[in-house]
């Protein structure tokens, strides 16, 4: 699939690291580093602008190593970039650790996944079909 992209950053375009990778790493495009304090959040710009085809979205997801090692994650995970959005891709990062974390220019801060999606058409009814689960939610199926 071909996607139009404008790169106003000083970094290479996102790319797949392995043949089986689902996501491409997004890099921070900064003029100076950001010191993210515990429980603080910020938007980190990437310098990237994309034009997705209708029926597709770009999902911004956390990087597992950054989350596990440093407690840094994408706050609205997954973030969605819609096909009609033409602004710069920004990543909302939050520091869930108890230590400050420095985000540096060029640092890989999130993953971008391109995904096809459907559009729903609602049919308003008075009843839904019965299932064995019914209205059971949050934890209703047990833990083991």
C-alpha atoms as a PDB file:
ATOM      1  CA  UNK A   1       0.000   0.000   0.000  1.00  0.00           C
ATOM      2  CA  UNK A   2       1.323   3.438  -0.883  1.00  0.00           C
ATOM      3  CA  UNK A   3       0.675   6.380   1.470  1.00  0.00           C
ATOM      4  CA  UNK A   4       1.573  10.007   0.789  1.00  0.00           C
ATOM      5  CA  UNK A   5       3.765  11.470   3.537  1.00  0.00           C
ATOM      6  CA  UNK A   6       5.455  14.808   4.211  1.00  0.00           C
ATOM      7  CA  UNK A   7       8.530  14.578   6.425  1.00  0.00           C
ATOM      8  CA  UNK A   8       9.427  17.905   8.054  1.00  0.00           C
ATOM      9  CA  UNK A   9      11.586  16.170  10.659  1.00  0.00           C
ATOM     10  CA  UNK A  10      15.327  15.652  10.490  1.00  0.00           C
ATOM     11  CA  UNK A  11      14.854  11.898  10.732  1.00  0.00           C
ATOM     12  CA  UNK A  12      14.310   9.105   8.217  1.00  0.00           C
ATOM     13  CA  UNK A  13      10.771   8.014   7.409  1.00  0.00           C
ATOM     14  CA  UNK A  14       9.241   5.412   9.737  1.00  0.00           C
ATOM     15  CA  UNK A  15      10.038   1.908   8.556  1.00  0.00           C
ATOM     16  CA  UNK A  16       9.403  -1.694   9.514  1.00  0.00           C
ATOM     17  CA  UNK A  17      12.336  -3.121  11.489  1.00  0.00           C
ATOM     18  CA  UNK A  18      11.693  -6.748  10.486  1.00  0.00           C
ATOM     19  CA  UNK A  19       9.772  -8.555   7.737  1.00  0.00           C
ATOM     20  CA  UNK A  20       6.996  -9.491  10.202  1.00  0.00           C
ATOM     21  CA  UNK A  21       6.722  -6.156  12.047  1.00  0.00           C
ATOM     22  CA  UNK A  22       3.184  -4.749  12.243  1.00  0.00           C
ATOM     23  CA  UNK A  23       4.280  -1.292  13.390  1.00  0.00           C
ATOM     24  CA  UNK A  24       6.802   1.346  12.396  1.00  0.00           C
ATOM     25  CA  UNK A  25       8.574   3.389  15.044  1.00  0.00           C
ATOM     26  CA  UNK A  26       7.750   7.091  15.353  1.00  0.00           C
ATOM     27  CA  UNK A  27      10.583   9.392  16.435  1.00  0.00           C
ATOM     28  CA  UNK A  28      10.464  12.554  18.512  1.00  0.00           C
ATOM     29  CA  UNK A  29      11.154  15.649  16.424  1.00  0.00           C
ATOM     30  CA  UNK A  30      12.460  18.127  19.000  1.00  0.00           C
ATOM     31  CA  UNK A  31      14.575  21.277  19.058  1.00  0.00           C
ATOM     32  CA  UNK A  32      15.343  20.571  22.734  1.00  0.00           C
ATOM     33  CA  UNK A  33      14.757  17.546  24.951  1.00  0.00           C
ATOM     34  CA  UNK A  34      11.655  17.249  27.144  1.00  0.00           C
ATOM     35  CA  UNK A  35      11.935  16.252  30.803  1.00  0.00           C
ATOM     36  CA  UNK A  36       8.745  14.336  31.570  1.00  0.00           C
ATOM     37  CA  UNK A  37       8.103  14.232  35.314  1.00  0.00           C
ATOM     38  CA  UNK A  38       6.248  11.354  37.054  1.00  0.00           C
ATOM     39  CA  UNK A  39       2.528  11.366  36.166  1.00  0.00           C
ATOM     40  CA  UNK A  40       3.100  14.231  33.724  1.00  0.00           C
ATOM     41  CA  UNK A  41       1.895  14.089  30.118  1.00  0.00           C
ATOM     42  CA  UNK A  42       2.921  15.941  26.980  1.00  0.00           C
ATOM     43  CA  UNK A  43       2.415  15.924  23.225  1.00  0.00           C
ATOM     44  CA  UNK A  44       5.567  15.033  21.322  1.00  0.00           C
ATOM     45  CA  UNK A  45       5.596  16.112  17.678  1.00  0.00           C
ATOM     46  CA  UNK A  46       6.998  13.849  14.953  1.00  0.00           C
ATOM     47  CA  UNK A  47       7.329  16.195  11.969  1.00  0.00           C
ATOM     48  CA  UNK A  48       5.223  13.750   9.932  1.00  0.00           C
ATOM     49  CA  UNK A  49       2.057  14.508   7.962  1.00  0.00           C
ATOM     50  CA  UNK A  50       0.208  11.683   6.169  1.00  0.00           C
ATOM     51  CA  UNK A  51      -2.615  11.218   3.668  1.00  0.00           C
ATOM     52  CA  UNK A  52      -4.373   7.919   4.299  1.00  0.00           C
ATOM     53  CA  UNK A  53      -6.939   6.444   1.924  1.00  0.00           C
ATOM     54  CA  UNK A  54     -10.548   6.459   3.148  1.00  0.00           C
ATOM     55  CA  UNK A  55     -11.252   3.221   5.014  1.00  0.00           C
ATOM     56  CA  UNK A  56      -7.867   3.228   6.779  1.00  0.00           C
ATOM     57  CA  UNK A  57      -6.552   4.667  10.022  1.00  0.00           C
ATOM     58  CA  UNK A  58      -3.104   4.981  11.557  1.00  0.00           C
ATOM     59  CA  UNK A  59      -2.988   3.687  15.139  1.00  0.00           C
ATOM     60  CA  UNK A  60      -0.424   5.219  17.497  1.00  0.00           C
ATOM     61  CA  UNK A  61       0.574   2.637  20.104  1.00  0.00           C
ATOM     62  CA  UNK A  62       3.148   2.411  22.910  1.00  0.00           C
ATOM     63  CA  UNK A  63       6.548   0.833  22.432  1.00  0.00           C
ATOM     64  CA  UNK A  64       6.736  -2.145  24.786  1.00  0.00           C
ATOM     65  CA  UNK A  65      10.378  -1.591  25.817  1.00  0.00           C
ATOM     66  CA  UNK A  66       9.802   2.080  26.658  1.00  0.00           C
ATOM     67  CA  UNK A  67       6.715   1.143  28.680  1.00  0.00           C
ATOM     68  CA  UNK A  68       8.343  -1.729  30.570  1.00  0.00           C
ATOM     69  CA  UNK A  69      11.770  -0.215  31.206  1.00  0.00           C
ATOM     70  CA  UNK A  70      10.741   3.401  31.849  1.00  0.00           C
ATOM     71  CA  UNK A  71       6.973   3.504  32.470  1.00  0.00           C
ATOM     72  CA  UNK A  72       6.442   5.725  29.407  1.00  0.00           C
ATOM     73  CA  UNK A  73       3.295   4.981  27.430  1.00  0.00           C
ATOM     74  CA  UNK A  74       0.839   6.500  24.963  1.00  0.00           C
ATOM     75  CA  UNK A  75      -1.944   8.015  27.035  1.00  0.00           C
ATOM     76  CA  UNK A  76      -4.835   7.605  24.596  1.00  0.00           C
ATOM     77  CA  UNK A  77      -3.672   4.207  23.447  1.00  0.00           C
ATOM     78  CA  UNK A  78      -4.232   3.489  20.717  1.00  0.00           C
ATOM     79  CA  UNK A  79      -4.438   6.984  19.333  1.00  0.00           C
ATOM     80  CA  UNK A  80      -6.160   7.249  15.972  1.00  0.00           C
ATOM     81  CA  UNK A  81      -5.085   9.282  12.961  1.00  0.00           C
ATOM     82  CA  UNK A  82      -8.126   9.528  10.683  1.00  0.00           C
ATOM     83  CA  UNK A  83      -7.931   9.466   6.887  1.00  0.00           C
ATOM     84  CA  UNK A  84      -9.103  13.079   6.608  1.00  0.00           C
ATOM     85  CA  UNK A  85      -6.577  14.497   9.131  1.00  0.00           C
ATOM     86  CA  UNK A  86      -3.766  16.474   7.504  1.00  0.00           C
ATOM     87  CA  UNK A  87      -2.002  17.934  10.539  1.00  0.00           C
ATOM     88  CA  UNK A  88       1.261  16.855  12.116  1.00  0.00           C
ATOM     89  CA  UNK A  89       1.221  13.538  13.940  1.00  0.00           C
ATOM     90  CA  UNK A  90       1.697  14.137  17.656  1.00  0.00           C
ATOM     91  CA  UNK A  91       2.054  11.482  20.322  1.00  0.00           C
ATOM     92  CA  UNK A  92       0.530  11.967  23.789  1.00  0.00           C
ATOM     93  CA  UNK A  93       3.071  10.440  26.175  1.00  0.00           C
ATOM     94  CA  UNK A  94       2.616   9.972  29.918  1.00  0.00           C
ATOM     95  CA  UNK A  95       5.201   9.035  32.523  1.00  0.00           C
ATOM     96  CA  UNK A  96       3.694   6.391  34.806  1.00  0.00           C
ATOM     97  CA  UNK A  97       6.965   5.792  36.656  1.00  0.00           C
ATOM     98  CA  UNK A  98       8.221   7.462  39.821  1.00  0.00           C
ATOM     99  CA  UNK A  99      11.258   8.960  38.064  1.00  0.00           C
ATOM    100  CA  UNK A 100      11.633  11.794  35.562  1.00  0.00           C
ATOM    101  CA  UNK A 101      12.317  10.688  31.981  1.00  0.00           C
ATOM    102  CA  UNK A 102      14.140  12.700  29.330  1.00  0.00           C
ATOM    103  CA  UNK A 103      12.759  12.483  25.786  1.00  0.00           C
ATOM    104  CA  UNK A 104      15.475  13.317  23.297  1.00  0.00           C
ATOM    105  CA  UNK A 105      15.337  14.330  19.653  1.00  0.00           C
ATOM    106  CA  UNK A 106      15.207  11.262  17.418  1.00  0.00           C
ATOM    107  CA  UNK A 107      14.132   8.926  20.208  1.00  0.00           C
ATOM    108  CA  UNK A 108      11.708   6.202  19.180  1.00  0.00           C
ATOM    109  CA  UNK A 109       8.598   7.096  21.193  1.00  0.00           C
ATOM    110  CA  UNK A 110       5.708   5.076  19.736  1.00  0.00           C
ATOM    111  CA  UNK A 111       4.630   2.686  17.014  1.00  0.00           C
ATOM    112  CA  UNK A 112       2.439   3.515  14.021  1.00  0.00           C
ATOM    113  CA  UNK A 113       0.214   0.785  12.614  1.00  0.00           C
ATOM    114  CA  UNK A 114      -1.849   1.213   9.444  1.00  0.00           C
ATOM    115  CA  UNK A 115      -5.177  -0.605   9.746  1.00  0.00           C
ATOM    116  CA  UNK A 116      -8.265  -1.028   7.602  1.00  0.00           C
ATOM    117  CA  UNK A 117     -11.559  -0.288   9.327  1.00  0.00           C
ATOM    118  CA  UNK A 118     -15.277  -0.539   8.623  1.00  0.00           C
ATOM    119  CA  UNK A 119     -17.982   2.099   9.003  1.00  0.00           C
ATOM    120  CA  UNK A 120     -21.042   0.979  10.940  1.00  0.00           C
ATOM    121  CA  UNK A 121     -24.633   1.629  10.052  1.00  0.00           C
ATOM    122  CA  UNK A 122     -26.904   1.583  13.114  1.00  0.00           C
ATOM    123  CA  UNK A 123     -30.214  -0.334  13.113  1.00  0.00           C
ATOM    124  CA  UNK A 124     -32.256   0.693  16.121  1.00  0.00           C
ATOM    125  CA  UNK A 125     -34.202  -2.228  17.645  1.00  0.00           C
ATOM    126  CA  UNK A 126     -36.116  -2.929  20.861  1.00  0.00           C
ATOM    127  CA  UNK A 127     -34.291  -6.204  21.754  1.00  0.00           C
ATOM    128  CA  UNK A 128     -30.939  -7.866  21.149  1.00  0.00           C
ATOM    129  CA  UNK A 129     -30.409 -11.581  20.549  1.00  0.00           C
ATOM    130  CA  UNK A 130     -29.758 -13.752  23.632  1.00  0.00           C
ATOM    131  CA  UNK A 131     -26.312 -15.227  24.365  1.00  0.00           C
ATOM    132  CA  UNK A 132     -24.957 -17.422  27.151  1.00  0.00           C
ATOM    133  CA  UNK A 133     -22.914 -14.464  28.432  1.00  0.00           C
ATOM    134  CA  UNK A 134     -25.790 -12.004  28.406  1.00  0.00           C
ATOM    135  CA  UNK A 135     -24.982  -8.711  30.121  1.00  0.00           C
ATOM    136  CA  UNK A 136     -22.023 -10.129  32.086  1.00  0.00           C
ATOM    137  CA  UNK A 137     -19.069  -7.758  31.795  1.00  0.00           C
ATOM    138  CA  UNK A 138     -15.900  -6.760  33.635  1.00  0.00           C
ATOM    139  CA  UNK A 139     -14.620  -9.977  35.178  1.00  0.00           C
ATOM    140  CA  UNK A 140     -17.854 -11.946  34.720  1.00  0.00           C
ATOM    141  CA  UNK A 141     -16.036 -14.876  33.074  1.00  0.00           C
ATOM    142  CA  UNK A 142     -13.615 -15.326  36.003  1.00  0.00           C
ATOM    143  CA  UNK A 143      -9.856 -15.139  36.232  1.00  0.00           C
ATOM    144  CA  UNK A 144      -8.853 -18.795  35.689  1.00  0.00           C
END
